[in-house]
Amino acid sequence: MKKIFLGIDHPAIAADDVEKLAKWYCDVLGYEVHTRIDKPVYLVKAPDGTLMEIMPKDDTQRPTRTTWTPGWSHLALRVNNITEAIKALDRHGVEWEGAEFDAVGGGRVRNLFDPEGNLLQIVERN
């Protein structure tokens, strides 16, 4: 049977400062610029080839969110070694959202925020 839906192409973040946030994802998380258009909109590519879009936000107010707020919650980034990832992120002065904890499905997780307050997770799987 022919497969039609293959997986996630990209998540997108509507940002206050598109240039600054795209630079942060490249400098801190190792993404690289894949495509940029003048709006400005960026597609940045992770080391594993997955894409993320960073685009300008509109005037809608950002709602208050927790991990359990309905709707999309966070972006989880897979790492090979969570201890080394934490050390690398500490060198960049990231804001952590708490201590490390056990991942659903096995492994270890720690939450952090990007410079615009978007919730990210780093995940090391068993």
N, C-alpha and C. Protein backbone atom coordinates (compact mmCIF):
# COMPACT_ATOMS: atom_id res chain seq x y z
N MET A 1 0.83 -1.18 0.00
CA MET A 1 0.00 0.00 0.00
C MET A 1 0.88 1.25 0.00
N LYS A 2 0.54 2.18 -0.83
CA LYS A 2 1.30 3.42 -0.97
C LYS A 2 1.12 4.31 0.27
N LYS A 3 2.23 4.80 0.80
CA LYS A 3 2.17 5.71 1.95
C LYS A 3 1.97 7.13 1.45
N ILE A 4 1.00 7.81 2.02
CA ILE A 4 0.70 9.18 1.62
C ILE A 4 1.29 10.17 2.60
N PHE A 5 1.03 9.97 3.89
CA PHE A 5 1.52 10.89 4.92
C PHE A 5 2.82 10.34 5.50
N LEU A 6 3.89 11.10 5.39
CA LEU A 6 5.22 10.60 5.71
C LEU A 6 5.73 11.01 7.09
N GLY A 7 5.22 12.09 7.65
CA GLY A 7 5.71 12.57 8.94
C GLY A 7 5.67 14.08 8.98
N ILE A 8 6.30 14.64 9.97
CA ILE A 8 6.29 16.09 10.17
C ILE A 8 7.34 16.73 9.28
N ASP A 9 6.94 17.72 8.49
CA ASP A 9 7.89 18.46 7.67
C ASP A 9 8.59 19.53 8.51
N HIS A 10 7.79 20.34 9.23
CA HIS A 10 8.40 21.36 10.08
C HIS A 10 7.38 21.94 11.06
N PRO A 11 7.83 22.28 12.28
CA PRO A 11 7.04 23.14 13.14
C PRO A 11 7.37 24.58 12.76
N ALA A 12 6.55 25.53 13.21
CA ALA A 12 6.81 26.94 12.91
C ALA A 12 6.65 27.76 14.19
N ILE A 13 7.49 28.78 14.32
CA ILE A 13 7.44 29.70 15.45
C ILE A 13 7.21 31.10 14.90
N ALA A 14 6.17 31.78 15.41
CA ALA A 14 5.95 33.19 15.08
C ALA A 14 6.71 34.00 16.13
N ALA A 15 7.68 34.79 15.69
CA ALA A 15 8.65 35.42 16.59
C ALA A 15 8.55 36.94 16.61
N ASP A 16 8.92 37.52 17.75
CA ASP A 16 9.07 38.97 17.88
C ASP A 16 10.21 39.46 17.00
N ASP A 17 11.35 38.76 17.08
CA ASP A 17 12.56 39.13 16.34
C ASP A 17 13.04 37.91 15.57
N VAL A 18 12.60 37.79 14.34
CA VAL A 18 12.87 36.61 13.51
C VAL A 18 14.37 36.40 13.34
N GLU A 19 15.10 37.47 13.01
CA GLU A 19 16.55 37.36 12.77
C GLU A 19 17.26 36.85 14.03
N LYS A 20 16.95 37.45 15.17
CA LYS A 20 17.61 37.08 16.43
C LYS A 20 17.30 35.63 16.81
N LEU A 21 16.03 35.23 16.66
CA LEU A 21 15.66 33.87 17.05
C LEU A 21 16.28 32.83 16.10
N ALA A 22 16.30 33.11 14.80
CA ALA A 22 16.95 32.20 13.85
C ALA A 22 18.43 32.05 14.18
N LYS A 23 19.07 33.15 14.52
CA LYS A 23 20.50 33.11 14.89
C LYS A 23 20.70 32.26 16.14
N TRP A 24 19.81 32.40 17.14
CA TRP A 24 19.93 31.62 18.37
C TRP A 24 19.83 30.13 18.07
N TYR A 25 18.85 29.72 17.26
CA TYR A 25 18.71 28.30 16.94
C TYR A 25 19.95 27.78 16.21
N CYS A 26 20.56 28.62 15.38
CA CYS A 26 21.79 28.21 14.68
C CYS A 26 22.98 28.17 15.63
N ASP A 27 23.19 29.25 16.39
CA ASP A 27 24.37 29.35 17.26
C ASP A 27 24.33 28.40 18.45
N VAL A 28 23.16 28.23 19.04
CA VAL A 28 23.05 27.47 20.28
C VAL A 28 22.70 26.01 20.03
N LEU A 29 21.81 25.73 19.09
CA LEU A 29 21.34 24.36 18.88
C LEU A 29 21.91 23.70 17.64
N GLY A 30 22.76 24.39 16.90
CA GLY A 30 23.44 23.77 15.77
C GLY A 30 22.64 23.70 14.49
N TYR A 31 21.52 24.43 14.41
CA TYR A 31 20.78 24.49 13.15
C TYR A 31 21.58 25.32 12.15
N GLU A 32 21.20 25.23 10.88
CA GLU A 32 21.80 26.09 9.86
C GLU A 32 20.67 26.66 9.01
N VAL A 33 20.91 27.82 8.42
CA VAL A 33 19.89 28.43 7.57
C VAL A 33 19.75 27.61 6.30
N HIS A 34 18.54 27.15 6.04
CA HIS A 34 18.23 26.38 4.84
C HIS A 34 17.69 27.32 3.76
N THR A 35 16.75 28.19 4.15
CA THR A 35 16.12 29.14 3.22
C THR A 35 15.77 30.40 4.00
N ARG A 36 15.89 31.55 3.34
CA ARG A 36 15.45 32.81 3.92
C ARG A 36 14.77 33.61 2.83
N ILE A 37 13.59 34.16 3.16
CA ILE A 37 12.94 35.09 2.24
C ILE A 37 12.83 36.44 2.94
N ASP A 38 12.58 37.48 2.17
CA ASP A 38 12.66 38.85 2.69
C ASP A 38 11.59 39.25 3.70
N LYS A 39 10.57 38.48 3.91
CA LYS A 39 9.47 38.91 4.80
C LYS A 39 9.92 39.34 6.19
N PRO A 40 10.81 38.92 6.99
CA PRO A 40 11.67 37.75 6.77
C PRO A 40 11.04 36.47 7.32
N VAL A 41 11.26 35.40 6.60
CA VAL A 41 10.90 34.06 7.06
C VAL A 41 12.12 33.18 6.84
N TYR A 42 12.46 32.39 7.85
CA TYR A 42 13.57 31.46 7.76
C TYR A 42 13.05 30.03 7.83
N LEU A 43 13.67 29.14 7.08
CA LEU A 43 13.62 27.72 7.34
C LEU A 43 15.02 27.38 7.82
N VAL A 44 15.13 26.86 9.03
CA VAL A 44 16.42 26.43 9.55
C VAL A 44 16.40 24.91 9.64
N LYS A 45 17.58 24.32 9.43
CA LYS A 45 17.69 22.87 9.35
C LYS A 45 18.54 22.35 10.49
N ALA A 46 18.03 21.34 11.19
CA ALA A 46 18.75 20.68 12.28
C ALA A 46 19.82 19.75 11.71
N PRO A 47 20.78 19.34 12.55
CA PRO A 47 21.79 18.41 12.07
C PRO A 47 21.23 17.11 11.47
N ASP A 48 20.02 16.70 11.91
CA ASP A 48 19.43 15.48 11.35
C ASP A 48 18.61 15.74 10.09
N GLY A 49 18.57 17.00 9.63
CA GLY A 49 17.87 17.34 8.40
C GLY A 49 16.45 17.84 8.58
N THR A 50 15.89 17.76 9.79
CA THR A 50 14.54 18.27 10.00
C THR A 50 14.54 19.80 9.94
N LEU A 51 13.41 20.35 9.54
CA LEU A 51 13.29 21.79 9.34
C LEU A 51 12.41 22.44 10.40
N MET A 52 12.63 23.73 10.64
CA MET A 52 11.79 24.56 11.48
C MET A 52 11.65 25.91 10.79
N GLU A 53 10.43 26.43 10.77
CA GLU A 53 10.16 27.74 10.18
C GLU A 53 10.12 28.78 11.30
N ILE A 54 10.75 29.91 11.06
CA ILE A 54 10.69 31.05 11.99
C ILE A 54 10.18 32.23 11.18
N MET A 55 9.04 32.77 11.62
CA MET A 55 8.34 33.81 10.85
C MET A 55 7.91 34.93 11.77
N PRO A 56 7.58 36.11 11.22
CA PRO A 56 7.16 37.22 12.07
C PRO A 56 5.80 36.97 12.70
N LYS A 57 5.65 37.39 13.95
CA LYS A 57 4.36 37.25 14.63
C LYS A 57 3.44 38.39 14.21
N ASP A 58 2.15 38.19 14.47
CA ASP A 58 1.19 39.27 14.26
C ASP A 58 0.94 39.97 15.61
N ASP A 59 -0.15 40.71 15.73
CA ASP A 59 -0.43 41.47 16.95
C ASP A 59 -1.21 40.69 18.01
N THR A 60 -1.47 39.42 17.79
CA THR A 60 -2.18 38.60 18.76
C THR A 60 -1.35 38.47 20.03
N GLN A 61 -1.99 38.60 21.18
CA GLN A 61 -1.29 38.45 22.45
C GLN A 61 -0.93 36.99 22.69
N ARG A 62 0.26 36.75 23.24
CA ARG A 62 0.70 35.39 23.58
C ARG A 62 -0.09 34.93 24.80
N PRO A 63 -0.73 33.76 24.72
CA PRO A 63 -1.44 33.24 25.90
C PRO A 63 -0.45 32.66 26.91
N THR A 64 -0.86 32.59 28.15
CA THR A 64 -0.06 31.92 29.17
C THR A 64 -0.19 30.42 28.94
N ARG A 65 0.95 29.70 28.99
CA ARG A 65 0.94 28.26 28.71
C ARG A 65 1.69 27.52 29.79
N THR A 66 1.30 26.28 29.98
CA THR A 66 2.08 25.31 30.74
C THR A 66 2.29 24.11 29.82
N THR A 67 3.00 23.12 30.27
CA THR A 67 3.19 21.91 29.47
C THR A 67 1.84 21.23 29.18
N TRP A 68 0.87 21.44 30.05
CA TRP A 68 -0.41 20.74 29.95
C TRP A 68 -1.53 21.61 29.38
N THR A 69 -1.23 22.83 28.94
CA THR A 69 -2.24 23.69 28.32
C THR A 69 -2.71 23.03 27.02
N PRO A 70 -4.02 23.05 26.73
CA PRO A 70 -4.50 22.43 25.49
C PRO A 70 -3.82 23.01 24.25
N GLY A 71 -3.68 22.18 23.24
CA GLY A 71 -3.05 22.58 21.99
C GLY A 71 -1.59 22.16 21.97
N TRP A 72 -0.87 22.62 20.94
CA TRP A 72 0.57 22.30 20.85
C TRP A 72 1.26 22.83 22.09
N SER A 73 2.13 22.04 22.66
CA SER A 73 2.72 22.36 23.95
C SER A 73 4.19 22.77 23.88
N HIS A 74 5.00 21.97 23.23
CA HIS A 74 6.44 22.20 23.24
C HIS A 74 7.07 21.49 22.05
N LEU A 75 8.33 21.81 21.81
CA LEU A 75 9.13 21.14 20.79
C LEU A 75 10.20 20.33 21.51
N ALA A 76 10.22 19.03 21.29
CA ALA A 76 11.20 18.15 21.94
C ALA A 76 12.32 17.85 20.95
N LEU A 77 13.55 18.11 21.37
CA LEU A 77 14.73 17.91 20.54
C LEU A 77 15.52 16.72 21.07
N ARG A 78 15.79 15.75 20.21
CA ARG A 78 16.52 14.56 20.61
C ARG A 78 18.01 14.87 20.72
N VAL A 79 18.63 14.38 21.80
CA VAL A 79 20.07 14.53 21.99
C VAL A 79 20.68 13.15 22.25
N ASN A 80 21.97 13.01 21.93
CA ASN A 80 22.67 11.76 22.19
C ASN A 80 23.04 11.60 23.65
N ASN A 81 23.39 12.72 24.30
CA ASN A 81 23.85 12.69 25.69
C ASN A 81 23.30 13.91 26.40
N ILE A 82 22.32 13.71 27.27
CA ILE A 82 21.66 14.85 27.91
C ILE A 82 22.60 15.61 28.83
N THR A 83 23.51 14.93 29.48
CA THR A 83 24.46 15.60 30.38
C THR A 83 25.32 16.58 29.59
N GLU A 84 25.83 16.14 28.45
CA GLU A 84 26.65 17.02 27.60
C GLU A 84 25.81 18.15 27.01
N ALA A 85 24.56 17.85 26.64
CA ALA A 85 23.68 18.88 26.09
C ALA A 85 23.39 19.95 27.13
N ILE A 86 23.16 19.55 28.38
CA ILE A 86 22.91 20.51 29.47
C ILE A 86 24.12 21.40 29.67
N LYS A 87 25.31 20.81 29.68
CA LYS A 87 26.54 21.59 29.84
C LYS A 87 26.69 22.62 28.71
N ALA A 88 26.43 22.18 27.48
CA ALA A 88 26.55 23.08 26.32
C ALA A 88 25.54 24.21 26.41
N LEU A 89 24.31 23.91 26.80
CA LEU A 89 23.28 24.94 26.93
C LEU A 89 23.56 25.87 28.10
N ASP A 90 24.13 25.35 29.18
CA ASP A 90 24.52 26.20 30.30
C ASP A 90 25.56 27.23 29.87
N ARG A 91 26.47 26.84 28.98
CA ARG A 91 27.49 27.78 28.49
C ARG A 91 26.84 28.94 27.73
N HIS A 92 25.65 28.72 27.18
CA HIS A 92 24.91 29.77 26.48
C HIS A 92 23.92 30.50 27.38
N GLY A 93 23.89 30.11 28.66
CA GLY A 93 23.05 30.80 29.63
C GLY A 93 21.55 30.62 29.40
N VAL A 94 21.12 29.45 28.92
CA VAL A 94 19.69 29.25 28.69
C VAL A 94 18.91 29.29 29.99
N GLU A 95 17.62 29.59 29.88
CA GLU A 95 16.73 29.57 31.04
C GLU A 95 16.08 28.19 31.11
N TRP A 96 16.34 27.48 32.20
CA TRP A 96 15.76 26.15 32.40
C TRP A 96 14.38 26.29 33.06
N GLU A 97 13.50 25.34 32.77
CA GLU A 97 12.15 25.35 33.32
C GLU A 97 12.01 24.30 34.41
N GLY A 98 13.07 23.91 35.02
CA GLY A 98 13.02 22.91 36.08
C GLY A 98 14.13 21.91 35.92
N ALA A 99 14.07 20.90 36.80
CA ALA A 99 15.10 19.86 36.83
C ALA A 99 14.82 18.79 35.77
N GLU A 100 15.81 17.98 35.54
CA GLU A 100 15.69 16.83 34.64
C GLU A 100 14.67 15.85 35.22
N PHE A 101 13.96 15.12 34.33
CA PHE A 101 12.97 14.13 34.79
C PHE A 101 12.91 12.98 33.79
N ASP A 102 12.21 11.90 34.18
CA ASP A 102 12.08 10.72 33.33
C ASP A 102 11.15 11.01 32.16
N ALA A 103 11.54 10.57 30.98
CA ALA A 103 10.74 10.77 29.76
C ALA A 103 9.65 9.71 29.66
N VAL A 104 8.49 10.12 29.21
CA VAL A 104 7.45 9.15 28.86
C VAL A 104 8.02 8.26 27.76
N GLY A 105 7.94 6.97 27.91
CA GLY A 105 8.47 6.04 26.92
C GLY A 105 9.93 5.68 27.15
N GLY A 106 10.53 6.20 28.21
CA GLY A 106 11.92 5.88 28.56
C GLY A 106 12.89 6.96 28.18
N GLY A 107 13.85 7.19 29.03
CA GLY A 107 14.87 8.18 28.78
C GLY A 107 14.82 9.32 29.78
N ARG A 108 15.51 10.40 29.45
CA ARG A 108 15.63 11.56 30.34
C ARG A 108 15.26 12.82 29.57
N VAL A 109 14.66 13.79 30.28
CA VAL A 109 14.16 15.03 29.66
C VAL A 109 14.52 16.20 30.56
N ARG A 110 14.75 17.35 29.93
CA ARG A 110 14.83 18.62 30.66
C ARG A 110 14.23 19.71 29.79
N ASN A 111 13.42 20.56 30.41
CA ASN A 111 12.74 21.66 29.72
C ASN A 111 13.56 22.94 29.80
N LEU A 112 13.48 23.74 28.74
CA LEU A 112 14.12 25.05 28.69
C LEU A 112 13.30 25.97 27.82
N PHE A 113 13.66 27.23 27.82
CA PHE A 113 12.99 28.22 26.98
C PHE A 113 13.96 28.80 25.98
N ASP A 114 13.47 29.06 24.76
CA ASP A 114 14.29 29.81 23.81
C ASP A 114 14.20 31.30 24.19
N PRO A 115 14.91 32.19 23.53
CA PRO A 115 14.93 33.60 23.93
C PRO A 115 13.57 34.30 23.89
N GLU A 116 12.59 33.74 23.18
CA GLU A 116 11.27 34.35 23.12
C GLU A 116 10.26 33.66 24.02
N GLY A 117 10.73 32.73 24.85
CA GLY A 117 9.85 32.08 25.82
C GLY A 117 9.14 30.84 25.31
N ASN A 118 9.52 30.32 24.15
CA ASN A 118 8.93 29.08 23.65
C ASN A 118 9.51 27.90 24.40
N LEU A 119 8.65 26.98 24.83
CA LEU A 119 9.08 25.84 25.61
C LEU A 119 9.69 24.77 24.73
N LEU A 120 10.91 24.38 25.05
CA LEU A 120 11.63 23.31 24.37
C LEU A 120 11.94 22.22 25.38
N GLN A 121 12.15 21.02 24.89
CA GLN A 121 12.67 19.93 25.71
C GLN A 121 13.87 19.34 25.00
N ILE A 122 14.85 18.92 25.80
CA ILE A 122 15.90 18.06 25.25
C ILE A 122 15.62 16.66 25.80
N VAL A 123 15.73 15.67 24.93
CA VAL A 123 15.34 14.31 25.29
C VAL A 123 16.46 13.35 24.89
N GLU A 124 16.90 12.56 25.84
CA GLU A 124 17.81 11.43 25.56
C GLU A 124 17.00 10.16 25.74
N ARG A 125 16.88 9.36 24.70
CA ARG A 125 16.13 8.10 24.76
C ARG A 125 17.06 6.94 25.11
N ASN A 126 16.50 5.93 25.77
CA ASN A 126 17.27 4.73 26.13
C ASN A 126 17.64 3.97 24.87
